[in-house]
Amino acid sequence: MTVQVQLLGRGTQGPLTPVGEGVSPLWQFFLPPPSQNSVIVYDDGSVVEKQTFESDDIKDPSVHTYIHGGTDFRTDVGTFVYESLTAAGYTWRNVYTGDVYAEDYDTQYN
């Protein structure tokens, strides 16, 4: 049985506050929420996290996996991407389907 996990621990980028003539000062007080950074996992297992990547960076032949910021990324425990991201310090949350239960109690059941 494989265990599927959800990627946690990505950094966030704050929203840009528009200023200038014709821009309401309201946006200086009511900011939109921050968004997650994107991540690239390379074939050698190295991981790079940035706000945005250029198309050439994403299409590089040495890129194993590109994870777009703000997406719900899931993978199985033990995969190359899982091992690389874990080694880089990222954390995970178990994802349970309706017919699978973990051996230990988890907040996922609340």
C-alpha atoms as a PDB file:
ATOM      1  CA  MET A   1       0.000   0.000   0.000  1.00  0.00           C
ATOM      2  CA  THR A   2       1.390   3.393  -0.946  1.00  0.00           C
ATOM      3  CA  VAL A   3       0.902   6.427   1.245  1.00  0.00           C
ATOM      4  CA  GLN A   4       0.119   9.671  -0.505  1.00  0.00           C
ATOM      5  CA  VAL A   5       1.304  12.933   1.042  1.00  0.00           C
ATOM      6  CA  GLN A   6       0.695  16.637   0.465  1.00  0.00           C
ATOM      7  CA  LEU A   7       3.598  19.084   0.255  1.00  0.00           C
ATOM      8  CA  LEU A   8       3.821  21.665   3.052  1.00  0.00           C
ATOM      9  CA  GLY A   9       6.419  24.241   4.030  1.00  0.00           C
ATOM     10  CA  ARG A  10       6.717  26.328   0.888  1.00  0.00           C
ATOM     11  CA  GLY A  11       7.529  29.963   1.426  1.00  0.00           C
ATOM     12  CA  THR A  12       5.117  32.706   0.550  1.00  0.00           C
ATOM     13  CA  GLN A  13       5.440  35.954  -1.288  1.00  0.00           C
ATOM     14  CA  GLY A  14       3.588  39.021  -0.133  1.00  0.00           C
ATOM     15  CA  PRO A  15       1.291  40.916  -2.442  1.00  0.00           C
ATOM     16  CA  LEU A  16       2.539  44.041  -4.161  1.00  0.00           C
ATOM     17  CA  THR A  17       0.832  47.190  -2.980  1.00  0.00           C
ATOM     18  CA  PRO A  18      -0.060  49.422  -5.912  1.00  0.00           C
ATOM     19  CA  VAL A  19       0.645  53.104  -5.291  1.00  0.00           C
ATOM     20  CA  GLY A  20       0.532  56.176  -7.424  1.00  0.00           C
ATOM     21  CA  GLU A  21      -1.826  58.576  -9.064  1.00  0.00           C
ATOM     22  CA  GLY A  22      -5.293  57.160  -9.630  1.00  0.00           C
ATOM     23  CA  VAL A  23      -4.766  54.201  -7.281  1.00  0.00           C
ATOM     24  CA  SER A  24      -7.002  54.040  -4.259  1.00  0.00           C
ATOM     25  CA  PRO A  25      -5.101  54.225  -0.947  1.00  0.00           C
ATOM     26  CA  LEU A  26      -7.498  51.544   0.298  1.00  0.00           C
ATOM     27  CA  TRP A  27      -5.108  48.853  -1.030  1.00  0.00           C
ATOM     28  CA  GLN A  28      -2.484  49.997   1.452  1.00  0.00           C
ATOM     29  CA  PHE A  29      -4.765  48.819   4.262  1.00  0.00           C
ATOM     30  CA  PHE A  30      -6.576  45.803   2.778  1.00  0.00           C
ATOM     31  CA  LEU A  31      -4.036  43.502   1.187  1.00  0.00           C
ATOM     32  CA  PRO A  32      -4.785  40.293  -0.681  1.00  0.00           C
ATOM     33  CA  PRO A  33      -3.365  37.124   0.913  1.00  0.00           C
ATOM     34  CA  PRO A  34       0.195  36.052   0.112  1.00  0.00           C
ATOM     35  CA  SER A  35       0.784  33.290  -2.418  1.00  0.00           C
ATOM     36  CA  GLN A  36       3.079  30.264  -2.327  1.00  0.00           C
ATOM     37  CA  ASN A  37       6.415  30.137  -4.109  1.00  0.00           C
ATOM     38  CA  SER A  38       7.141  27.757  -6.980  1.00  0.00           C
ATOM     39  CA  VAL A  39       9.625  24.886  -6.652  1.00  0.00           C
ATOM     40  CA  ILE A  40      11.870  23.057  -9.128  1.00  0.00           C
ATOM     41  CA  VAL A  41      13.342  19.634  -8.383  1.00  0.00           C
ATOM     42  CA  TYR A  42      16.336  18.814 -10.593  1.00  0.00           C
ATOM     43  CA  ASP A  43      17.509  15.390 -11.774  1.00  0.00           C
ATOM     44  CA  ASP A  44      20.421  15.480  -9.308  1.00  0.00           C
ATOM     45  CA  GLY A  45      18.005  15.918  -6.372  1.00  0.00           C
ATOM     46  CA  SER A  46      18.694  19.608  -5.790  1.00  0.00           C
ATOM     47  CA  VAL A  47      15.717  21.869  -5.078  1.00  0.00           C
ATOM     48  CA  VAL A  48      15.232  25.571  -5.856  1.00  0.00           C
ATOM     49  CA  GLU A  49      12.345  27.676  -4.557  1.00  0.00           C
ATOM     50  CA  LYS A  50      11.545  31.103  -6.028  1.00  0.00           C
ATOM     51  CA  GLN A  51       8.605  33.422  -6.527  1.00  0.00           C
ATOM     52  CA  THR A  52       8.616  32.881 -10.281  1.00  0.00           C
ATOM     53  CA  PHE A  53      10.711  30.992 -12.801  1.00  0.00           C
ATOM     54  CA  GLU A  54      11.402  31.932 -16.400  1.00  0.00           C
ATOM     55  CA  SER A  55      10.207  29.539 -19.113  1.00  0.00           C
ATOM     56  CA  ASP A  56      13.816  28.615 -19.915  1.00  0.00           C
ATOM     57  CA  ASP A  57      14.332  27.559 -16.283  1.00  0.00           C
ATOM     58  CA  ILE A  58      11.247  25.338 -16.333  1.00  0.00           C
ATOM     59  CA  LYS A  59      12.066  23.774 -19.718  1.00  0.00           C
ATOM     60  CA  ASP A  60      15.694  23.008 -18.788  1.00  0.00           C
ATOM     61  CA  PRO A  61      16.434  19.330 -19.572  1.00  0.00           C
ATOM     62  CA  SER A  62      17.775  18.777 -16.058  1.00  0.00           C
ATOM     63  CA  VAL A  63      14.414  19.673 -14.455  1.00  0.00           C
ATOM     64  CA  HIS A  64      12.737  16.586 -13.026  1.00  0.00           C
ATOM     65  CA  THR A  65       9.600  18.267 -11.581  1.00  0.00           C
ATOM     66  CA  TYR A  66       8.216  21.785 -11.615  1.00  0.00           C
ATOM     67  CA  ILE A  67       5.691  22.638  -8.881  1.00  0.00           C
ATOM     68  CA  HIS A  68       3.771  25.805  -9.647  1.00  0.00           C
ATOM     69  CA  GLY A  69       3.194  28.109  -6.688  1.00  0.00           C
ATOM     70  CA  GLY A  70      -0.203  27.858  -5.047  1.00  0.00           C
ATOM     71  CA  THR A  71      -0.956  24.354  -6.288  1.00  0.00           C
ATOM     72  CA  ASP A  72      -1.859  21.387  -4.108  1.00  0.00           C
ATOM     73  CA  PHE A  73       1.103  19.112  -4.835  1.00  0.00           C
ATOM     74  CA  ARG A  74       0.789  15.463  -3.807  1.00  0.00           C
ATOM     75  CA  THR A  75       3.057  12.479  -4.305  1.00  0.00           C
ATOM     76  CA  ASP A  76       3.676   9.028  -2.871  1.00  0.00           C
ATOM     77  CA  VAL A  77       6.109   8.376  -0.037  1.00  0.00           C
ATOM     78  CA  GLY A  78       9.415   7.044  -1.343  1.00  0.00           C
ATOM     79  CA  THR A  79       9.363   8.655  -4.789  1.00  0.00           C
ATOM     80  CA  PHE A  80      12.344  10.614  -6.078  1.00  0.00           C
ATOM     81  CA  VAL A  81      10.478  13.925  -5.663  1.00  0.00           C
ATOM     82  CA  TYR A  82       9.447  13.010  -2.111  1.00  0.00           C
ATOM     83  CA  GLU A  83      13.010  12.097  -1.130  1.00  0.00           C
ATOM     84  CA  SER A  84      14.494  15.227  -2.737  1.00  0.00           C
ATOM     85  CA  LEU A  85      12.025  17.622  -1.121  1.00  0.00           C
ATOM     86  CA  THR A  86      12.332  15.917   2.265  1.00  0.00           C
ATOM     87  CA  ALA A  87      16.130  16.195   2.091  1.00  0.00           C
ATOM     88  CA  ALA A  88      15.702  19.902   1.285  1.00  0.00           C
ATOM     89  CA  GLY A  89      13.687  20.387   4.492  1.00  0.00           C
ATOM     90  CA  TYR A  90      10.106  20.372   3.242  1.00  0.00           C
ATOM     91  CA  THR A  91       7.393  18.753   5.323  1.00  0.00           C
ATOM     92  CA  TRP A  92       4.415  16.601   4.400  1.00  0.00           C
ATOM     93  CA  ARG A  93       0.892  15.801   5.508  1.00  0.00           C
ATOM     94  CA  ASN A  94      -0.673  12.388   4.960  1.00  0.00           C
ATOM     95  CA  VAL A  95      -3.637  12.337   2.606  1.00  0.00           C
ATOM     96  CA  TYR A  96      -6.281   9.734   3.351  1.00  0.00           C
ATOM     97  CA  THR A  97      -8.964   8.478   1.029  1.00  0.00           C
ATOM     98  CA  GLY A  98     -12.376   7.477   2.292  1.00  0.00           C
ATOM     99  CA  ASP A  99     -11.478   3.802   2.627  1.00  0.00           C
ATOM    100  CA  VAL A 100      -7.950   4.043   4.071  1.00  0.00           C
ATOM    101  CA  TYR A 101      -7.137   4.712   7.710  1.00  0.00           C
ATOM    102  CA  ALA A 102      -3.770   5.404   9.255  1.00  0.00           C
ATOM    103  CA  GLU A 103      -2.379   3.362  12.120  1.00  0.00           C
ATOM    104  CA  ASP A 104      -2.194   6.451  14.341  1.00  0.00           C
ATOM    105  CA  TYR A 105      -4.845   9.085  14.972  1.00  0.00           C
ATOM    106  CA  ASP A 106      -4.310  12.175  12.835  1.00  0.00           C
ATOM    107  CA  THR A 107      -6.014  15.567  12.754  1.00  0.00           C
ATOM    108  CA  GLN A 108      -7.055  14.717   9.196  1.00  0.00           C
ATOM    109  CA  TYR A 109      -9.974  12.767  10.700  1.00  0.00           C
ATOM    110  CA  ASN A 110     -11.508  15.800  12.410  1.00  0.00           C
END
